[in-house]
Amino acid sequence: MIHPHTELKFINKDIGYGVVATSFIPAGTITWVLDKLDREFTPSEIMALDDLHRNILDTYAYRNSVGNFILCWDNGRFVNHSFNSNCFTTPYDFEIAIRDIEPGEQLTDDYGYLNLSEPFRAFPEGTRRKVVYPDDLVKYAKVWDKKLLKPFKQIPTLEQPLRRLVKDELWQKIEAIAMGKEQMESLLSCYYQEDKKLGEVRTVG
């Protein structure tokens, strides 16, 4: 489930639609949580689908650490990629804002941690990275862990509209990490290695 203080909005003709904040979202806020309505598909289930539905999943789903595809039921599936994303996944099936997000600002993810099946050339942002690769998690996990840890520790100190979707046991772990009593699991735990050669680089908005 996506943060309630967001809306789907047309960004421009190159990017299309995106998810935009309707109020201030401070760093450390949980912006998305995997919930009971999100649909999980195994590779065999996807292969049994027709081309139309496989293409929908290819566009809107991400892959988890065991290789299954997750399709978000709400506007979470419209969050766009950015190499300078203001949201980041965690090893605990939720995402957080890693910096303050202003009203009207688009929520973005780095698709490098979504276990894509093939690389794609992203919309130009003037960054050194131009292409998202399926193994970006392996390459950048240590850097991303450092980027994630500071805002992660802010989670218990903030108002969290999605708190009720986080199980109490996990919330206790979050608090322990925030207090330095436990170590945050590395994002590398989210990685799924697919045993096949990388495909051609695609260009997407």
C-alpha atoms as a PDB file:
ATOM      1  CA  MET A   1       0.000   0.000   0.000  1.00  0.00           C
ATOM      2  CA  ILE A   2       1.301   3.434  -0.973  1.00  0.00           C
ATOM      3  CA  HIS A   3       1.446   6.320   1.506  1.00  0.00           C
ATOM      4  CA  PRO A   4      -2.034   7.933   1.797  1.00  0.00           C
ATOM      5  CA  HIS A   5      -0.705  11.468   1.244  1.00  0.00           C
ATOM      6  CA  THR A   6       0.035  10.790  -2.423  1.00  0.00           C
ATOM      7  CA  GLU A   7      -1.827  10.875  -5.704  1.00  0.00           C
ATOM      8  CA  LEU A   8      -1.397   9.685  -9.281  1.00  0.00           C
ATOM      9  CA  LYS A   9      -0.557  12.589 -11.578  1.00  0.00           C
ATOM     10  CA  PHE A  10       0.509  13.127 -15.191  1.00  0.00           C
ATOM     11  CA  ILE A  11       4.157  14.246 -15.099  1.00  0.00           C
ATOM     12  CA  ASN A  12       4.965  14.955 -18.754  1.00  0.00           C
ATOM     13  CA  LYS A  13       4.782  13.310 -22.176  1.00  0.00           C
ATOM     14  CA  ASP A  14       8.187  11.634 -21.767  1.00  0.00           C
ATOM     15  CA  ILE A  15       7.643  10.150 -18.294  1.00  0.00           C
ATOM     16  CA  GLY A  16       3.875   9.722 -18.345  1.00  0.00           C
ATOM     17  CA  TYR A  17       2.176   9.259 -14.968  1.00  0.00           C
ATOM     18  CA  GLY A  18       3.836   9.202 -11.567  1.00  0.00           C
ATOM     19  CA  VAL A  19       3.049   9.240  -7.855  1.00  0.00           C
ATOM     20  CA  VAL A  20       3.209  12.707  -6.279  1.00  0.00           C
ATOM     21  CA  ALA A  21       3.177  13.763  -2.615  1.00  0.00           C
ATOM     22  CA  THR A  22       0.115  15.774  -1.551  1.00  0.00           C
ATOM     23  CA  SER A  23       1.731  16.871   1.721  1.00  0.00           C
ATOM     24  CA  PHE A  24       5.186  16.998   3.279  1.00  0.00           C
ATOM     25  CA  ILE A  25       6.723  13.546   3.816  1.00  0.00           C
ATOM     26  CA  PRO A  26       9.824  13.666   6.058  1.00  0.00           C
ATOM     27  CA  ALA A  27      12.844  11.402   5.627  1.00  0.00           C
ATOM     28  CA  GLY A  28      12.296   8.133   7.468  1.00  0.00           C
ATOM     29  CA  THR A  29       8.586   7.931   6.640  1.00  0.00           C
ATOM     30  CA  ILE A  30       7.355   4.547   5.426  1.00  0.00           C
ATOM     31  CA  THR A  31       6.090   5.276   1.914  1.00  0.00           C
ATOM     32  CA  TRP A  32       4.978   1.798   0.831  1.00  0.00           C
ATOM     33  CA  VAL A  33       4.292  -1.560   2.484  1.00  0.00           C
ATOM     34  CA  LEU A  34       3.665  -4.929   0.872  1.00  0.00           C
ATOM     35  CA  ASP A  35       0.120  -5.822   1.914  1.00  0.00           C
ATOM     36  CA  LYS A  36      -2.463  -8.571   1.564  1.00  0.00           C
ATOM     37  CA  LEU A  37      -3.930  -7.191  -1.663  1.00  0.00           C
ATOM     38  CA  ASP A  38      -0.625  -7.144  -3.547  1.00  0.00           C
ATOM     39  CA  ARG A  39      -0.484 -10.143  -5.896  1.00  0.00           C
ATOM     40  CA  GLU A  40       2.484 -12.513  -6.064  1.00  0.00           C
ATOM     41  CA  PHE A  41       3.105 -14.582  -9.209  1.00  0.00           C
ATOM     42  CA  THR A  42       5.551 -17.455  -9.604  1.00  0.00           C
ATOM     43  CA  PRO A  43       7.485 -17.705 -12.903  1.00  0.00           C
ATOM     44  CA  SER A  44       5.394 -20.740 -13.878  1.00  0.00           C
ATOM     45  CA  GLU A  45       2.165 -18.794 -13.277  1.00  0.00           C
ATOM     46  CA  ILE A  46       3.427 -16.002 -15.500  1.00  0.00           C
ATOM     47  CA  MET A  47       4.395 -18.411 -18.276  1.00  0.00           C
ATOM     48  CA  ALA A  48       0.814 -19.731 -18.237  1.00  0.00           C
ATOM     49  CA  LEU A  49      -0.574 -16.238 -18.917  1.00  0.00           C
ATOM     50  CA  ASP A  50      -1.311 -14.772 -22.346  1.00  0.00           C
ATOM     51  CA  ASP A  51       0.953 -12.133 -23.884  1.00  0.00           C
ATOM     52  CA  LEU A  52      -1.294  -9.244 -22.828  1.00  0.00           C
ATOM     53  CA  HIS A  53      -1.099 -10.061 -19.125  1.00  0.00           C
ATOM     54  CA  ARG A  54       2.588 -11.008 -19.247  1.00  0.00           C
ATOM     55  CA  ASN A  55       3.334  -7.582 -20.741  1.00  0.00           C
ATOM     56  CA  ILE A  56       1.391  -5.879 -17.930  1.00  0.00           C
ATOM     57  CA  LEU A  57       3.470  -7.705 -15.338  1.00  0.00           C
ATOM     58  CA  ASP A  58       6.670  -6.919 -17.232  1.00  0.00           C
ATOM     59  CA  THR A  59       5.774  -3.226 -17.027  1.00  0.00           C
ATOM     60  CA  TYR A  60       4.388  -2.914 -13.503  1.00  0.00           C
ATOM     61  CA  ALA A  61       5.729  -5.802 -11.381  1.00  0.00           C
ATOM     62  CA  TYR A  62       9.015  -6.181  -9.531  1.00  0.00           C
ATOM     63  CA  ARG A  63      10.807  -9.372  -8.531  1.00  0.00           C
ATOM     64  CA  ASN A  64      11.413 -10.401  -4.923  1.00  0.00           C
ATOM     65  CA  SER A  65      14.380 -12.281  -3.482  1.00  0.00           C
ATOM     66  CA  VAL A  66      12.945 -15.724  -4.325  1.00  0.00           C
ATOM     67  CA  GLY A  67      12.231 -14.829  -7.951  1.00  0.00           C
ATOM     68  CA  ASN A  68       8.475 -14.271  -7.736  1.00  0.00           C
ATOM     69  CA  PHE A  69       6.858 -11.220  -9.299  1.00  0.00           C
ATOM     70  CA  ILE A  70       4.923  -8.745  -7.147  1.00  0.00           C
ATOM     71  CA  LEU A  71       2.165  -6.615  -8.660  1.00  0.00           C
ATOM     72  CA  CYS A  72       1.031  -3.731  -6.461  1.00  0.00           C
ATOM     73  CA  TRP A  73      -2.729  -3.346  -6.380  1.00  0.00           C
ATOM     74  CA  ASP A  74      -2.736   0.460  -5.916  1.00  0.00           C
ATOM     75  CA  ASN A  75      -0.759   3.453  -7.232  1.00  0.00           C
ATOM     76  CA  GLY A  76       2.452   1.959  -5.883  1.00  0.00           C
ATOM     77  CA  ARG A  77       2.954   0.353  -9.292  1.00  0.00           C
ATOM     78  CA  PHE A  78       3.241   3.813 -10.881  1.00  0.00           C
ATOM     79  CA  VAL A  79       6.268   4.975  -8.852  1.00  0.00           C
ATOM     80  CA  ASN A  80       8.898   5.921 -11.429  1.00  0.00           C
ATOM     81  CA  HIS A  81      12.623   5.263 -11.532  1.00  0.00           C
ATOM     82  CA  SER A  82      15.298   7.788 -10.632  1.00  0.00           C
ATOM     83  CA  PHE A  83      19.044   7.401 -10.121  1.00  0.00           C
ATOM     84  CA  ASN A  84      18.562  10.078  -7.425  1.00  0.00           C
ATOM     85  CA  SER A  85      15.475   8.479  -5.906  1.00  0.00           C
ATOM     86  CA  ASN A  86      13.894   9.953  -2.782  1.00  0.00           C
ATOM     87  CA  CYS A  87      12.493   6.586  -1.690  1.00  0.00           C
ATOM     88  CA  PHE A  88      14.348   3.345  -1.065  1.00  0.00           C
ATOM     89  CA  THR A  89      13.407  -0.245  -0.467  1.00  0.00           C
ATOM     90  CA  THR A  90      14.411  -2.062   2.721  1.00  0.00           C
ATOM     91  CA  PRO A  91      15.024  -5.768   3.404  1.00  0.00           C
ATOM     92  CA  TYR A  92      11.682  -5.869   5.245  1.00  0.00           C
ATOM     93  CA  ASP A  93       9.026  -5.547   2.498  1.00  0.00           C
ATOM     94  CA  PHE A  94       8.506  -1.818   2.903  1.00  0.00           C
ATOM     95  CA  GLU A  95      10.025   1.361   1.501  1.00  0.00           C
ATOM     96  CA  ILE A  96      10.944   4.630   3.171  1.00  0.00           C
ATOM     97  CA  ALA A  97      11.673   8.201   2.170  1.00  0.00           C
ATOM     98  CA  ILE A  98      15.446   8.633   2.378  1.00  0.00           C
ATOM     99  CA  ARG A  99      15.150  12.417   2.247  1.00  0.00           C
ATOM    100  CA  ASP A 100      12.373  14.953   2.784  1.00  0.00           C
ATOM    101  CA  ILE A 101       9.733  14.940   0.045  1.00  0.00           C
ATOM    102  CA  GLU A 102       7.926  18.213  -0.586  1.00  0.00           C
ATOM    103  CA  PRO A 103       4.255  18.572  -1.609  1.00  0.00           C
ATOM    104  CA  GLY A 104       3.984  18.215  -5.377  1.00  0.00           C
ATOM    105  CA  GLU A 105       7.262  16.282  -5.608  1.00  0.00           C
ATOM    106  CA  GLN A 106       7.255  12.923  -7.316  1.00  0.00           C
ATOM    107  CA  LEU A 107       8.057   9.807  -5.258  1.00  0.00           C
ATOM    108  CA  THR A 108      10.768   7.813  -7.029  1.00  0.00           C
ATOM    109  CA  ASP A 109      12.595   4.498  -6.645  1.00  0.00           C
ATOM    110  CA  ASP A 110      15.914   3.256  -7.982  1.00  0.00           C
ATOM    111  CA  TYR A 111      14.861   0.302 -10.115  1.00  0.00           C
ATOM    112  CA  GLY A 112      18.355  -1.141  -9.626  1.00  0.00           C
ATOM    113  CA  TYR A 113      17.107  -2.965  -6.522  1.00  0.00           C
ATOM    114  CA  LEU A 114      13.958  -4.406  -8.129  1.00  0.00           C
ATOM    115  CA  ASN A 115      15.603  -7.473  -9.717  1.00  0.00           C
ATOM    116  CA  LEU A 116      14.764  -6.560 -13.294  1.00  0.00           C
ATOM    117  CA  SER A 117      14.974  -9.374 -15.822  1.00  0.00           C
ATOM    118  CA  GLU A 118      16.892  -7.264 -18.336  1.00  0.00           C
ATOM    119  CA  PRO A 119      18.730  -3.929 -18.362  1.00  0.00           C
ATOM    120  CA  PHE A 120      17.161  -0.691 -19.540  1.00  0.00           C
ATOM    121  CA  ARG A 121      18.379   2.794 -20.379  1.00  0.00           C
ATOM    122  CA  ALA A 122      16.540   5.219 -18.114  1.00  0.00           C
ATOM    123  CA  PHE A 123      15.308   8.757 -18.729  1.00  0.00           C
ATOM    124  CA  PRO A 124      18.400  11.046 -18.723  1.00  0.00           C
ATOM    125  CA  GLU A 125      19.080  12.778 -15.389  1.00  0.00           C
ATOM    126  CA  GLY A 126      22.684  13.887 -15.880  1.00  0.00           C
ATOM    127  CA  THR A 127      23.993  11.111 -13.619  1.00  0.00           C
ATOM    128  CA  ARG A 128      26.985   8.825 -14.138  1.00  0.00           C
ATOM    129  CA  ARG A 129      24.689   5.822 -14.188  1.00  0.00           C
ATOM    130  CA  LYS A 130      22.698   5.722 -17.409  1.00  0.00           C
ATOM    131  CA  VAL A 131      21.522   2.118 -17.472  1.00  0.00           C
ATOM    132  CA  VAL A 132      19.805  -0.011 -14.831  1.00  0.00           C
ATOM    133  CA  TYR A 133      21.198  -3.548 -14.735  1.00  0.00           C
ATOM    134  CA  PRO A 134      19.743  -6.710 -13.131  1.00  0.00           C
ATOM    135  CA  ASP A 135      22.835  -7.059 -10.922  1.00  0.00           C
ATOM    136  CA  ASP A 136      22.945  -3.442  -9.655  1.00  0.00           C
ATOM    137  CA  LEU A 137      22.086  -4.698  -6.164  1.00  0.00           C
ATOM    138  CA  VAL A 138      25.292  -6.719  -6.041  1.00  0.00           C
ATOM    139  CA  LYS A 139      27.340  -3.765  -7.233  1.00  0.00           C
ATOM    140  CA  TYR A 140      25.797  -1.044  -5.062  1.00  0.00           C
ATOM    141  CA  ALA A 141      24.455  -2.857  -1.964  1.00  0.00           C
ATOM    142  CA  LYS A 142      27.119  -1.517   0.404  1.00  0.00           C
ATOM    143  CA  VAL A 143      26.669   2.060  -0.840  1.00  0.00           C
ATOM    144  CA  TRP A 144      22.880   1.803  -0.658  1.00  0.00           C
ATOM    145  CA  ASP A 145      23.002   0.282   2.844  1.00  0.00           C
ATOM    146  CA  LYS A 146      24.876   3.361   4.075  1.00  0.00           C
ATOM    147  CA  LYS A 147      22.399   5.664   2.318  1.00  0.00           C
ATOM    148  CA  LEU A 148      19.457   3.822   3.869  1.00  0.00           C
ATOM    149  CA  LEU A 149      20.607   3.402   7.474  1.00  0.00           C
ATOM    150  CA  LYS A 150      20.342   7.016   8.718  1.00  0.00           C
ATOM    151  CA  PRO A 151      16.722   7.628   7.597  1.00  0.00           C
ATOM    152  CA  PHE A 152      15.827   4.060   8.652  1.00  0.00           C
ATOM    153  CA  LYS A 153      16.725   4.949  12.229  1.00  0.00           C
ATOM    154  CA  GLN A 154      14.215   7.817  12.075  1.00  0.00           C
ATOM    155  CA  ILE A 155      11.262   5.482  11.469  1.00  0.00           C
ATOM    156  CA  PRO A 156      10.141   5.120  15.136  1.00  0.00           C
ATOM    157  CA  THR A 157      10.361   8.888  15.748  1.00  0.00           C
ATOM    158  CA  LEU A 158       7.898   9.885  13.031  1.00  0.00           C
ATOM    159  CA  GLU A 159       4.170   9.730  12.415  1.00  0.00           C
ATOM    160  CA  GLN A 160       3.667   6.631  10.284  1.00  0.00           C
ATOM    161  CA  PRO A 161       0.278   6.378   8.536  1.00  0.00           C
ATOM    162  CA  LEU A 162       1.205   2.880   7.342  1.00  0.00           C
ATOM    163  CA  ARG A 163       2.280   1.629  10.780  1.00  0.00           C
ATOM    164  CA  ARG A 164      -0.750  -0.673  11.118  1.00  0.00           C
ATOM    165  CA  LEU A 165       0.505  -2.678   8.121  1.00  0.00           C
ATOM    166  CA  VAL A 166       3.805  -3.423   9.863  1.00  0.00           C
ATOM    167  CA  LYS A 167       3.612  -6.428  12.182  1.00  0.00           C
ATOM    168  CA  ASP A 168       4.526  -5.785  15.812  1.00  0.00           C
ATOM    169  CA  GLU A 169       7.430  -8.219  15.686  1.00  0.00           C
ATOM    170  CA  LEU A 170       8.948  -6.344  12.754  1.00  0.00           C
ATOM    171  CA  TRP A 171       8.282  -2.998  14.441  1.00  0.00           C
ATOM    172  CA  GLN A 172      10.253  -4.187  17.463  1.00  0.00           C
ATOM    173  CA  LYS A 173      13.127  -5.075  15.147  1.00  0.00           C
ATOM    174  CA  ILE A 174      12.951  -1.598  13.573  1.00  0.00           C
ATOM    175  CA  GLU A 175      13.146  -0.023  17.024  1.00  0.00           C
ATOM    176  CA  ALA A 176      16.098  -2.218  17.961  1.00  0.00           C
ATOM    177  CA  ILE A 177      17.942  -1.191  14.798  1.00  0.00           C
ATOM    178  CA  ALA A 178      17.149   2.468  15.479  1.00  0.00           C
ATOM    179  CA  MET A 179      18.649   2.150  18.971  1.00  0.00           C
ATOM    180  CA  GLY A 180      21.721   0.341  17.700  1.00  0.00           C
ATOM    181  CA  LYS A 181      20.802  -2.921  19.436  1.00  0.00           C
ATOM    182  CA  GLU A 182      20.487  -4.834  16.165  1.00  0.00           C
ATOM    183  CA  GLN A 183      22.123  -4.480  12.783  1.00  0.00           C
ATOM    184  CA  MET A 184      20.028  -3.641   9.739  1.00  0.00           C
ATOM    185  CA  GLU A 185      20.018  -6.471   7.237  1.00  0.00           C
ATOM    186  CA  SER A 186      21.826  -5.627   3.998  1.00  0.00           C
ATOM    187  CA  LEU A 187      19.851  -4.814   0.862  1.00  0.00           C
ATOM    188  CA  LEU A 188      21.832  -7.613  -0.753  1.00  0.00           C
ATOM    189  CA  SER A 189      19.327  -9.973   0.888  1.00  0.00           C
ATOM    190  CA  CYS A 190      16.735  -8.645  -1.599  1.00  0.00           C
ATOM    191  CA  TYR A 191      18.771  -9.838  -4.580  1.00  0.00           C
ATOM    192  CA  TYR A 192      17.535 -12.584  -6.868  1.00  0.00           C
ATOM    193  CA  GLN A 193      20.070 -14.043  -9.281  1.00  0.00           C
ATOM    194  CA  GLU A 194      18.572 -15.277 -12.488  1.00  0.00           C
ATOM    195  CA  ASP A 195      20.603 -17.917 -14.281  1.00  0.00           C
ATOM    196  CA  LYS A 196      20.509 -16.508 -17.753  1.00  0.00           C
ATOM    197  CA  LYS A 197      22.431 -14.045 -19.875  1.00  0.00           C
ATOM    198  CA  LEU A 198      21.472 -10.384 -19.711  1.00  0.00           C
ATOM    199  CA  GLY A 199      19.223  -9.234 -22.517  1.00  0.00           C
ATOM    200  CA  GLU A 200      19.466  -6.221 -24.752  1.00  0.00           C
ATOM    201  CA  VAL A 201      19.380  -2.787 -23.156  1.00  0.00           C
ATOM    202  CA  ARG A 202      15.918  -1.270 -23.443  1.00  0.00           C
ATOM    203  CA  THR A 203      15.095   2.415 -23.420  1.00  0.00           C
ATOM    204  CA  VAL A 204      12.164   3.489 -21.230  1.00  0.00           C
ATOM    205  CA  GLY A 205      10.740   6.720 -19.867  1.00  0.00           C
END
